[in-house]
């Protein structure tokens, strides 16, 4: 379901009128619903580590180099997933500020295990300690992370017009156009550089995609959950008291369904208010 359809459905249910073209609209309600949808979709993304956003990363160590670039779509790392694939030793971390201060203060770095810390605002935010030596040159570190990709552009299709700086999705990959036109018969499959497709030139895109950018974009999450969140926030702003609040419950239940084989706690103050929380159990008496 596209973001344009989500906004239209919410407007219809709330009894409002919106324009069909969301991103070119200057109409107040349309713009407001889009802003709410951007926020709610982000709230869903940040609520849990969704498996749909899992990604794998790697860096190749260089002797004498301590800091390295994180993946362009990096949001946050998965706990205890850093390994030196070359030596088969774990890379411990993240270092606490105190641990890093000890290294700097004493001038002594550990030599048995490598450690990491994600710090700073530069492009090279991944710090490896001790600084890799010549013997570490070429070692590959692997790790798991959450990709900042809560939105997906429309899926590639043949004989479709794309403007310049447009995006598409195909077989798990994101692409953007550096030259617009009409697509041919062969979808983009490359994972580096550019490729021609009919009169379109697609560049592989490895960065974040965290906001709706076009009417045809879709959320990677359950669209009914997104609709409910947008509807409730819109109703709150406009004083529509007849809307039943269900978003929070549906959010937790949706994540619970992604781990159906795990321990799920249906939590809440009463039997009537129960929220699924993955991997957490509660003990005590229900009210």
Protein backbone atom coordinates (compact mmCIF):
# COMPACT_ATOMS: atom_id res chain seq x y z
CA UNK A 1 0.00 0.00 0.00
CA UNK A 2 1.56 3.31 -1.05
CA UNK A 3 1.85 6.29 1.26
CA UNK A 4 -0.68 8.12 -0.95
CA UNK A 5 -3.20 5.31 -0.33
CA UNK A 6 -2.50 5.29 3.41
CA UNK A 7 -3.19 9.01 3.65
CA UNK A 8 -6.32 8.73 1.51
CA UNK A 9 -7.66 5.89 3.68
CA UNK A 10 -7.06 7.81 6.90
CA UNK A 11 -8.71 10.93 5.49
CA UNK A 12 -11.73 8.93 4.35
CA UNK A 13 -12.16 7.32 7.76
CA UNK A 14 -11.80 10.63 9.58
CA UNK A 15 -14.20 12.39 7.21
CA UNK A 16 -11.70 14.74 5.58
CA UNK A 17 -10.74 15.43 1.97
CA UNK A 18 -7.17 15.28 0.73
CA UNK A 19 -5.53 15.69 -2.66
CA UNK A 20 -4.48 12.62 -4.63
CA UNK A 21 -0.93 13.85 -5.26
CA UNK A 22 0.62 13.99 -1.80
CA UNK A 23 4.04 15.48 -2.45
CA UNK A 24 2.93 18.29 -4.74
CA UNK A 25 -0.02 19.26 -2.58
CA UNK A 26 -0.17 22.58 -0.76
CA UNK A 27 -3.47 21.73 0.93
CA UNK A 28 -3.20 21.83 4.74
CA UNK A 29 -4.80 18.50 5.65
CA UNK A 30 -2.82 16.61 3.03
CA UNK A 31 0.45 18.12 4.21
CA UNK A 32 -0.43 17.48 7.84
CA UNK A 33 -1.26 13.82 7.25
CA UNK A 34 2.02 13.33 5.38
CA UNK A 35 3.97 14.89 8.26
CA UNK A 36 2.17 12.63 10.73
CA UNK A 37 2.86 9.56 8.58
CA UNK A 38 6.57 10.41 8.48
CA UNK A 39 6.64 10.63 12.28
CA UNK A 40 4.58 7.50 12.96
CA UNK A 41 6.61 5.39 10.55
CA UNK A 42 9.77 6.55 12.30
CA UNK A 43 8.24 5.77 15.70
CA UNK A 44 7.52 2.22 14.54
CA UNK A 45 11.08 1.83 13.28
CA UNK A 46 12.59 3.01 16.56
CA UNK A 47 10.28 0.97 18.78
CA UNK A 48 11.93 -2.40 18.11
CA UNK A 49 14.84 -4.06 16.24
CA UNK A 50 12.70 -5.22 13.30
CA UNK A 51 14.13 -8.19 11.37
CA UNK A 52 13.18 -6.48 8.10
CA UNK A 53 15.88 -3.92 8.86
CA UNK A 54 18.66 -6.40 9.72
CA UNK A 55 21.82 -5.97 7.66
CA UNK A 56 25.38 -7.28 7.62
CA UNK A 57 28.48 -5.11 7.47
CA UNK A 58 32.21 -5.60 7.19
CA UNK A 59 35.41 -3.58 7.23
CA UNK A 60 38.92 -4.50 6.15
CA UNK A 61 41.62 -3.48 8.59
CA UNK A 62 44.60 -1.43 7.48
CA UNK A 63 47.84 -1.47 9.45
CA UNK A 64 48.22 1.81 11.36
CA UNK A 65 44.61 2.91 10.82
CA UNK A 66 42.36 3.07 13.89
CA UNK A 67 39.07 4.48 12.55
CA UNK A 68 36.79 3.20 9.77
CA UNK A 69 33.60 4.21 7.98
CA UNK A 70 30.32 2.63 9.02
CA UNK A 71 27.83 1.41 6.37
CA UNK A 72 26.01 4.31 4.72
CA UNK A 73 22.63 2.99 5.91
CA UNK A 74 23.84 2.32 9.48
CA UNK A 75 21.41 3.11 12.29
CA UNK A 76 22.71 1.08 15.24
CA UNK A 77 24.68 -2.10 15.74
CA UNK A 78 23.42 -5.47 16.94
CA UNK A 79 24.82 -6.40 20.33
CA UNK A 80 27.70 -8.92 20.42
CA UNK A 81 27.95 -9.43 16.67
CA UNK A 82 31.47 -8.06 16.02
CA UNK A 83 33.97 -10.73 14.96
CA UNK A 84 37.36 -10.79 13.29
CA UNK A 85 36.56 -13.23 10.50
CA UNK A 86 40.23 -13.64 9.64
CA UNK A 87 41.41 -14.65 13.14
CA UNK A 88 38.05 -16.02 14.34
CA UNK A 89 38.34 -13.95 17.52
CA UNK A 90 35.53 -11.83 18.90
CA UNK A 91 35.90 -8.05 18.83
CA UNK A 92 34.71 -6.86 22.24
CA UNK A 93 32.64 -3.77 22.80
CA UNK A 94 31.47 -1.23 22.64
CA UNK A 95 34.10 0.25 24.94
CA UNK A 96 32.67 2.44 27.66
CA UNK A 97 33.94 6.03 27.95
CA UNK A 98 35.85 4.90 31.05
CA UNK A 99 37.56 2.04 29.20
CA UNK A 100 38.59 4.33 26.37
CA UNK A 101 39.84 6.96 28.86
CA UNK A 102 42.01 4.32 30.52
CA UNK A 103 43.63 3.52 27.18
CA UNK A 104 44.28 7.19 26.47
CA UNK A 105 45.30 8.00 30.06
CA UNK A 106 47.66 5.09 30.60
CA UNK A 107 48.82 4.88 27.01
CA UNK A 108 48.47 1.10 27.13
CA UNK A 109 46.15 -0.79 24.80
CA UNK A 110 44.96 -4.39 25.27
CA UNK A 111 46.71 -6.90 23.04
CA UNK A 112 44.67 -10.10 23.37
CA UNK A 113 41.29 -8.98 22.06
CA UNK A 114 40.49 -6.16 19.70
CA UNK A 115 37.82 -3.79 20.96
CA UNK A 116 35.58 -1.28 19.24
CA UNK A 117 33.70 1.91 19.97
CA UNK A 118 31.36 3.94 17.76
CA UNK A 119 32.15 7.59 18.45
CA UNK A 120 32.24 11.07 16.97
CA UNK A 121 30.46 12.82 14.11
CA UNK A 122 32.86 12.19 11.25
CA UNK A 123 32.47 9.70 8.43
CA UNK A 124 34.94 7.41 10.21
CA UNK A 125 33.07 6.67 13.44
CA UNK A 126 34.13 3.07 14.12
CA UNK A 127 37.21 3.03 16.34
CA UNK A 128 39.24 -0.19 16.64
CA UNK A 129 41.58 -0.63 19.61
CA UNK A 130 44.40 -1.42 19.65
CA UNK A 131 45.22 0.34 16.42
CA UNK A 132 45.63 -2.45 13.85
CA UNK A 133 49.26 -3.32 13.21
CA UNK A 134 50.92 -4.64 10.09
CA UNK A 135 50.01 -8.17 11.17
CA UNK A 136 46.30 -7.19 11.13
CA UNK A 137 46.50 -5.70 7.65
CA UNK A 138 43.75 -7.24 5.52
CA UNK A 139 41.84 -8.75 8.45
CA UNK A 140 38.07 -8.58 7.88
CA UNK A 141 35.75 -7.57 10.72
CA UNK A 142 32.10 -8.55 10.33
CA UNK A 143 29.09 -7.31 12.28
CA UNK A 144 25.32 -7.07 12.20
CA UNK A 145 23.43 -3.79 12.32
CA UNK A 146 20.03 -2.18 11.89
CA UNK A 147 19.75 -0.41 8.53
CA UNK A 148 18.01 2.96 8.54
CA UNK A 149 15.56 1.87 5.87
CA UNK A 150 11.99 2.04 7.12
CA UNK A 151 10.65 3.10 3.70
CA UNK A 152 10.88 1.41 0.33
CA UNK A 153 10.53 3.07 -3.09
CA UNK A 154 8.32 1.49 -5.72
CA UNK A 155 9.47 -1.79 -7.16
CA UNK A 156 11.10 -1.69 -10.60
CA UNK A 157 8.89 -2.60 -13.54
CA UNK A 158 9.43 -2.59 -17.28
CA UNK A 159 8.26 0.22 -19.57
CA UNK A 160 7.84 2.65 -16.66
CA UNK A 161 8.78 6.32 -16.71
CA UNK A 162 11.20 7.52 -14.03
CA UNK A 163 12.36 11.10 -13.61
CA UNK A 164 15.89 12.05 -12.66
CA UNK A 165 16.75 11.56 -8.95
CA UNK A 166 13.98 8.96 -8.57
CA UNK A 167 14.34 5.72 -6.62
CA UNK A 168 13.30 2.13 -7.17
CA UNK A 169 13.59 -1.19 -5.35
CA UNK A 170 14.56 -4.52 -6.89
CA UNK A 171 15.53 -7.84 -5.31
CA UNK A 172 16.52 -6.31 -1.97
CA UNK A 173 18.49 -3.42 -3.46
CA UNK A 174 17.82 0.31 -3.76
CA UNK A 175 18.65 2.33 -6.88
CA UNK A 176 18.32 5.96 -7.98
CA UNK A 177 18.32 7.55 -11.40
CA UNK A 178 21.07 9.79 -12.68
CA UNK A 179 19.29 10.03 -16.02
CA UNK A 180 15.52 9.81 -16.33
CA UNK A 181 13.51 8.07 -19.03
CA UNK A 182 11.57 4.85 -19.59
CA UNK A 183 12.79 1.52 -18.27
CA UNK A 184 13.68 -1.36 -20.57
CA UNK A 185 13.06 -5.07 -20.07
CA UNK A 186 15.96 -5.91 -17.72
CA UNK A 187 15.80 -4.81 -14.06
CA UNK A 188 18.87 -3.40 -12.31
CA UNK A 189 20.81 -6.01 -10.35
CA UNK A 190 24.24 -4.39 -9.85
CA UNK A 191 25.54 -3.63 -6.36
CA UNK A 192 28.15 -1.02 -7.32
CA UNK A 193 28.29 1.80 -9.81
CA UNK A 194 25.81 2.48 -12.63
CA UNK A 195 23.94 0.50 -15.25
CA UNK A 196 21.75 1.45 -18.21
CA UNK A 197 18.14 0.30 -18.37
CA UNK A 198 16.29 1.41 -21.48
CA UNK A 199 16.75 5.19 -21.41
CA UNK A 200 17.24 5.19 -17.62
CA UNK A 201 20.59 5.11 -15.82
CA UNK A 202 20.41 3.50 -12.39
CA UNK A 203 23.05 4.06 -9.70
CA UNK A 204 23.23 1.55 -6.85
CA UNK A 205 22.18 3.25 -3.60
CA UNK A 206 23.51 2.02 -0.26
CA UNK A 207 22.41 4.89 2.00
CA UNK A 208 19.54 5.43 4.40
CA UNK A 209 15.95 5.59 3.16
CA UNK A 210 14.01 6.68 6.21
CA UNK A 211 11.38 9.08 4.85
CA UNK A 212 8.65 8.89 2.24
CA UNK A 213 9.91 10.76 -0.82
CA UNK A 214 7.24 9.99 -3.41
CA UNK A 215 3.53 9.13 -3.60
CA UNK A 216 4.47 5.57 -4.61
CA UNK A 217 6.76 4.90 -1.63
CA UNK A 218 5.65 2.24 0.86
CA UNK A 219 6.40 1.53 4.51
CA UNK A 220 8.34 -1.65 5.24
CA UNK A 221 5.96 -2.19 8.16
CA UNK A 222 2.36 -3.36 8.32
CA UNK A 223 0.35 -0.67 6.52
CA UNK A 224 -2.68 -1.20 8.76
CA UNK A 225 -0.47 -0.42 11.76
CA UNK A 226 0.78 2.74 10.05
CA UNK A 227 -2.78 3.76 9.20
CA UNK A 228 -3.91 3.27 12.79
CA UNK A 229 -1.05 5.36 14.14
CA UNK A 230 -1.68 8.19 11.68
CA UNK A 231 -5.43 8.08 12.36
CA UNK A 232 -4.99 8.28 16.12
CA UNK A 233 -2.51 11.15 15.96
CA UNK A 234 -4.70 13.06 13.50
CA UNK A 235 -7.75 12.44 15.71
CA UNK A 236 -5.86 13.67 18.77
CA UNK A 237 -4.89 16.90 17.01
CA UNK A 238 -8.43 17.53 15.76
CA UNK A 239 -10.31 16.38 18.85
CA UNK A 240 -12.02 13.40 17.22
CA UNK A 241 -12.92 11.52 20.38
CA UNK A 242 -14.67 8.66 18.61
CA UNK A 243 -11.39 7.09 17.42
CA UNK A 244 -10.51 4.08 19.58
CA UNK A 245 -6.82 4.08 20.61
CA UNK A 246 -5.31 0.79 19.48
CA UNK A 247 -1.98 1.73 17.91
CA UNK A 248 0.25 0.94 20.91
CA UNK A 249 -1.28 -2.49 21.37
CA UNK A 250 -1.08 -3.30 17.67
CA UNK A 251 2.56 -2.14 17.56
CA UNK A 252 3.63 -4.57 20.28
CA UNK A 253 1.55 -7.38 18.85
CA UNK A 254 3.06 -6.85 15.40
CA UNK A 255 6.59 -7.19 16.76
CA UNK A 256 5.53 -10.22 18.78
CA UNK A 257 4.43 -11.94 15.60
CA UNK A 258 7.92 -11.60 14.12
CA UNK A 259 9.26 -13.86 16.88
CA UNK A 260 6.47 -16.37 17.25
CA UNK A 261 8.84 -19.09 18.48
CA UNK A 262 10.24 -16.95 21.30
CA UNK A 263 8.95 -16.20 24.79
CA UNK A 264 6.34 -13.49 24.48
CA UNK A 265 5.01 -11.48 27.41
CA UNK A 266 1.49 -10.19 26.91
CA UNK A 267 1.92 -7.37 29.38
CA UNK A 268 -0.38 -4.71 30.70
CA UNK A 269 -2.10 -3.60 33.88
CA UNK A 270 -5.20 -5.68 33.28
CA UNK A 271 -6.38 -8.62 31.25
CA UNK A 272 -7.99 -6.14 28.86
CA UNK A 273 -4.74 -4.25 28.19
CA UNK A 274 -2.09 -6.66 26.97
CA UNK A 275 1.03 -5.83 25.01
CA UNK A 276 3.36 -8.39 23.41
CA UNK A 277 6.99 -7.83 24.36
CA UNK A 278 9.53 -10.17 22.85
CA UNK A 279 11.76 -12.14 25.19
CA UNK A 280 10.34 -10.65 28.42
CA UNK A 281 8.29 -12.48 31.02
CA UNK A 282 6.22 -11.05 33.86
CA UNK A 283 5.42 -12.64 37.21
CA UNK A 284 2.69 -11.70 39.64
CA UNK A 285 -1.08 -11.45 39.86
CA UNK A 286 -3.21 -9.95 37.13
CA UNK A 287 -5.71 -7.33 38.18
